[in-house]
N, C-alpha and C. Protein backbone atom coordinates (compact mmCIF):
# COMPACT_ATOMS: atom_id res chain seq x y z
N MET A 1 157.06 -80.53 -65.72
CA MET A 1 157.67 -79.39 -66.37
C MET A 1 156.71 -78.92 -67.47
N THR A 2 156.51 -77.64 -67.55
CA THR A 2 155.59 -77.11 -68.55
C THR A 2 156.23 -77.13 -69.93
N LYS A 3 155.41 -76.96 -70.95
CA LYS A 3 155.92 -76.94 -72.32
C LYS A 3 156.91 -75.79 -72.50
N PHE A 4 156.60 -74.63 -71.92
CA PHE A 4 157.49 -73.48 -72.03
C PHE A 4 158.86 -73.80 -71.44
N ALA A 5 158.87 -74.37 -70.25
CA ALA A 5 160.13 -74.69 -69.59
C ALA A 5 160.90 -75.74 -70.38
N LEU A 6 160.20 -76.72 -70.94
CA LEU A 6 160.85 -77.76 -71.74
C LEU A 6 161.47 -77.17 -73.00
N ILE A 7 160.73 -76.31 -73.68
CA ILE A 7 161.26 -75.67 -74.89
C ILE A 7 162.46 -74.80 -74.55
N LEU A 8 162.37 -74.04 -73.47
CA LEU A 8 163.49 -73.19 -73.06
C LEU A 8 164.71 -74.03 -72.72
N THR A 9 164.51 -75.15 -72.07
CA THR A 9 165.62 -76.04 -71.73
C THR A 9 166.27 -76.59 -72.99
N LEU A 10 165.47 -77.00 -73.97
CA LEU A 10 166.02 -77.53 -75.22
C LEU A 10 166.80 -76.46 -75.98
N VAL A 11 166.27 -75.25 -76.05
CA VAL A 11 166.97 -74.16 -76.72
C VAL A 11 168.28 -73.88 -76.01
N THR A 12 168.26 -73.90 -74.70
CA THR A 12 169.48 -73.67 -73.93
C THR A 12 170.52 -74.74 -74.23
N LEU A 13 170.10 -75.98 -74.26
CA LEU A 13 171.04 -77.07 -74.53
C LEU A 13 171.63 -76.96 -75.93
N ILE A 14 170.81 -76.60 -76.90
CA ILE A 14 171.30 -76.45 -78.27
C ILE A 14 172.30 -75.31 -78.36
N SER A 15 172.05 -74.22 -77.67
CA SER A 15 172.95 -73.06 -77.74
C SER A 15 174.25 -73.29 -76.99
N CYS A 16 174.33 -74.36 -76.22
CA CYS A 16 175.53 -74.64 -75.44
C CYS A 16 176.64 -75.30 -76.25
N VAL A 17 176.38 -75.63 -77.50
CA VAL A 17 177.35 -76.39 -78.30
C VAL A 17 178.68 -75.66 -78.42
N ARG A 18 178.65 -74.34 -78.60
CA ARG A 18 179.89 -73.59 -78.80
C ARG A 18 180.15 -72.61 -77.66
N SER A 19 179.97 -73.01 -76.48
CA SER A 19 180.12 -72.13 -75.33
C SER A 19 181.20 -72.64 -74.39
N THR A 20 181.70 -71.72 -73.56
CA THR A 20 182.65 -72.10 -72.53
C THR A 20 181.90 -72.81 -71.41
N PRO A 21 182.61 -73.54 -70.57
CA PRO A 21 181.93 -74.21 -69.44
C PRO A 21 181.16 -73.25 -68.53
N ASP A 22 181.72 -72.07 -68.28
CA ASP A 22 181.01 -71.10 -67.43
C ASP A 22 179.73 -70.61 -68.10
N GLU A 23 179.80 -70.35 -69.41
CA GLU A 23 178.60 -69.91 -70.13
C GLU A 23 177.54 -71.00 -70.12
N ILE A 24 177.97 -72.23 -70.29
CA ILE A 24 177.04 -73.36 -70.26
C ILE A 24 176.37 -73.45 -68.89
N HIS A 25 177.17 -73.31 -67.83
CA HIS A 25 176.63 -73.40 -66.47
C HIS A 25 175.61 -72.29 -66.22
N ILE A 26 175.93 -71.08 -66.66
CA ILE A 26 175.01 -69.95 -66.47
C ILE A 26 173.71 -70.20 -67.24
N ARG A 27 173.82 -70.71 -68.46
CA ARG A 27 172.62 -71.00 -69.25
C ARG A 27 171.77 -72.07 -68.59
N GLU A 28 172.42 -73.09 -68.05
CA GLU A 28 171.68 -74.15 -67.36
C GLU A 28 170.95 -73.59 -66.14
N LEU A 29 171.63 -72.73 -65.40
CA LEU A 29 171.00 -72.12 -64.22
C LEU A 29 169.83 -71.24 -64.64
N ASN A 30 170.00 -70.49 -65.73
CA ASN A 30 168.90 -69.65 -66.22
C ASN A 30 167.72 -70.50 -66.67
N ALA A 31 168.00 -71.65 -67.28
CA ALA A 31 166.91 -72.55 -67.69
C ALA A 31 166.17 -73.10 -66.47
N ARG A 32 166.92 -73.45 -65.43
CA ARG A 32 166.29 -73.92 -64.19
C ARG A 32 165.44 -72.82 -63.57
N LEU A 33 165.98 -71.60 -63.59
CA LEU A 33 165.25 -70.46 -63.05
C LEU A 33 163.95 -70.23 -63.82
N ALA A 34 164.01 -70.33 -65.13
CA ALA A 34 162.80 -70.16 -65.95
C ALA A 34 161.77 -71.24 -65.63
N ALA A 35 162.24 -72.46 -65.43
CA ALA A 35 161.32 -73.55 -65.08
C ALA A 35 160.66 -73.28 -63.72
N LEU A 36 161.45 -72.80 -62.76
CA LEU A 36 160.89 -72.49 -61.44
C LEU A 36 159.89 -71.35 -61.52
N ILE A 37 160.17 -70.36 -62.34
CA ILE A 37 159.24 -69.24 -62.50
C ILE A 37 157.92 -69.73 -63.08
N SER A 38 158.03 -70.61 -64.06
CA SER A 38 156.83 -71.19 -64.67
C SER A 38 156.03 -72.00 -63.65
N GLU A 39 156.72 -72.80 -62.86
CA GLU A 39 156.05 -73.59 -61.82
C GLU A 39 155.44 -72.68 -60.76
N GLU A 40 156.13 -71.58 -60.44
CA GLU A 40 155.60 -70.64 -59.46
C GLU A 40 154.27 -70.06 -59.94
N THR A 41 154.19 -69.75 -61.21
CA THR A 41 152.95 -69.22 -61.78
C THR A 41 151.83 -70.24 -61.66
N GLU A 42 152.14 -71.50 -61.93
CA GLU A 42 151.14 -72.56 -61.80
C GLU A 42 150.67 -72.71 -60.35
N ILE A 43 151.61 -72.65 -59.42
CA ILE A 43 151.26 -72.78 -58.00
C ILE A 43 150.37 -71.62 -57.57
N LYS A 44 150.71 -70.41 -58.00
CA LYS A 44 149.89 -69.24 -57.66
C LYS A 44 148.47 -69.39 -58.21
N GLU A 45 148.36 -69.92 -59.42
CA GLU A 45 147.04 -70.12 -60.02
C GLU A 45 146.24 -71.16 -59.22
N ARG A 46 146.90 -72.26 -58.85
CA ARG A 46 146.22 -73.29 -58.06
C ARG A 46 145.83 -72.74 -56.70
N LEU A 47 146.70 -71.93 -56.11
CA LEU A 47 146.42 -71.33 -54.80
C LEU A 47 145.22 -70.40 -54.88
N LYS A 48 145.14 -69.66 -55.96
CA LYS A 48 144.02 -68.73 -56.15
C LYS A 48 142.70 -69.49 -56.30
N ASN A 49 142.74 -70.68 -56.88
CA ASN A 49 141.52 -71.44 -57.16
C ASN A 49 141.14 -72.45 -56.07
N THR A 50 141.96 -72.59 -55.04
CA THR A 50 141.66 -73.59 -54.01
C THR A 50 140.77 -73.01 -52.92
N LYS A 51 139.93 -73.86 -52.39
CA LYS A 51 139.03 -73.47 -51.30
C LYS A 51 139.39 -74.18 -50.00
N ASP A 52 140.11 -75.29 -50.11
CA ASP A 52 140.46 -76.10 -48.95
C ASP A 52 141.62 -75.47 -48.18
N PRO A 53 141.44 -75.19 -46.87
CA PRO A 53 142.52 -74.57 -46.09
C PRO A 53 143.80 -75.41 -46.03
N GLY A 54 143.64 -76.73 -45.93
CA GLY A 54 144.82 -77.60 -45.88
C GLY A 54 145.62 -77.55 -47.17
N THR A 55 144.91 -77.59 -48.28
CA THR A 55 145.57 -77.49 -49.58
C THR A 55 146.21 -76.13 -49.75
N SER A 56 145.54 -75.11 -49.28
CA SER A 56 146.06 -73.74 -49.37
C SER A 56 147.38 -73.61 -48.62
N ILE A 57 147.44 -74.17 -47.43
CA ILE A 57 148.68 -74.12 -46.64
C ILE A 57 149.80 -74.87 -47.34
N ALA A 58 149.50 -76.05 -47.87
CA ALA A 58 150.51 -76.83 -48.58
C ALA A 58 151.02 -76.08 -49.80
N LEU A 59 150.12 -75.43 -50.53
CA LEU A 59 150.53 -74.67 -51.71
C LEU A 59 151.37 -73.45 -51.33
N GLN A 60 151.02 -72.81 -50.21
CA GLN A 60 151.81 -71.67 -49.74
C GLN A 60 153.22 -72.11 -49.38
N GLU A 61 153.34 -73.27 -48.73
CA GLU A 61 154.66 -73.80 -48.39
C GLU A 61 155.46 -74.12 -49.65
N GLU A 62 154.78 -74.72 -50.64
CA GLU A 62 155.43 -75.05 -51.90
C GLU A 62 155.88 -73.77 -52.61
N LEU A 63 155.05 -72.74 -52.56
CA LEU A 63 155.39 -71.46 -53.17
C LEU A 63 156.61 -70.83 -52.50
N LEU A 64 156.66 -70.87 -51.18
CA LEU A 64 157.82 -70.34 -50.46
C LEU A 64 159.09 -71.09 -50.82
N LEU A 65 158.99 -72.40 -50.95
CA LEU A 65 160.14 -73.22 -51.34
C LEU A 65 160.63 -72.83 -52.73
N HIS A 66 159.70 -72.67 -53.67
CA HIS A 66 160.08 -72.26 -55.02
C HIS A 66 160.73 -70.88 -55.01
N GLN A 67 160.18 -69.95 -54.25
CA GLN A 67 160.74 -68.61 -54.19
C GLN A 67 162.14 -68.63 -53.59
N SER A 68 162.35 -69.47 -52.59
CA SER A 68 163.67 -69.61 -51.99
C SER A 68 164.67 -70.16 -53.00
N ARG A 69 164.26 -71.18 -53.74
CA ARG A 69 165.13 -71.75 -54.77
C ARG A 69 165.45 -70.72 -55.85
N MET A 70 164.45 -69.93 -56.23
CA MET A 70 164.67 -68.92 -57.26
C MET A 70 165.67 -67.86 -56.78
N GLU A 71 165.54 -67.43 -55.55
CA GLU A 71 166.48 -66.44 -55.01
C GLU A 71 167.89 -67.01 -54.96
N HIS A 72 168.01 -68.27 -54.57
CA HIS A 72 169.32 -68.92 -54.53
C HIS A 72 169.93 -68.98 -55.94
N LEU A 73 169.13 -69.37 -56.93
CA LEU A 73 169.63 -69.43 -58.30
C LEU A 73 170.03 -68.05 -58.81
N ARG A 74 169.22 -67.05 -58.51
CA ARG A 74 169.55 -65.68 -58.94
C ARG A 74 170.88 -65.23 -58.33
N ALA A 75 171.06 -65.51 -57.06
CA ALA A 75 172.31 -65.13 -56.39
C ALA A 75 173.50 -65.88 -56.98
N THR A 76 173.32 -67.16 -57.26
CA THR A 76 174.39 -67.95 -57.86
C THR A 76 174.75 -67.41 -59.24
N ILE A 77 173.75 -67.11 -60.05
CA ILE A 77 173.98 -66.57 -61.39
C ILE A 77 174.72 -65.24 -61.30
N GLU A 78 174.33 -64.41 -60.35
CA GLU A 78 174.98 -63.11 -60.19
C GLU A 78 176.45 -63.27 -59.81
N VAL A 79 176.74 -64.23 -58.96
CA VAL A 79 178.12 -64.43 -58.51
C VAL A 79 179.01 -64.96 -59.62
N ILE A 80 178.51 -65.90 -60.42
CA ILE A 80 179.37 -66.52 -61.43
C ILE A 80 179.33 -65.83 -62.79
N SER A 81 178.43 -64.86 -62.96
CA SER A 81 178.37 -64.13 -64.24
C SER A 81 179.59 -63.23 -64.37
N PRO A 82 180.10 -63.11 -65.60
CA PRO A 82 181.25 -62.22 -65.80
C PRO A 82 180.85 -60.77 -65.52
N LYS A 83 181.76 -60.06 -64.95
CA LYS A 83 181.48 -58.67 -64.55
C LYS A 83 181.73 -57.73 -65.70
């Protein structure tokens, strides 16, 4: 986990002290989403710098998995967020 994601997670946890369970859940999901976005950036950077075809394929698969998880989290957040 990157420093940014760790700091964001800690801030999220601290802000959850006076929140409803739904608000807490949404904040946790947003923190996970932020961590995945940060990891996605790292994967893209590694992919850009790799020369090995095998490593490139593995990184592309990892990137697709992260993007799938991010879309799932975004959809979940949209469904449970108050209208």
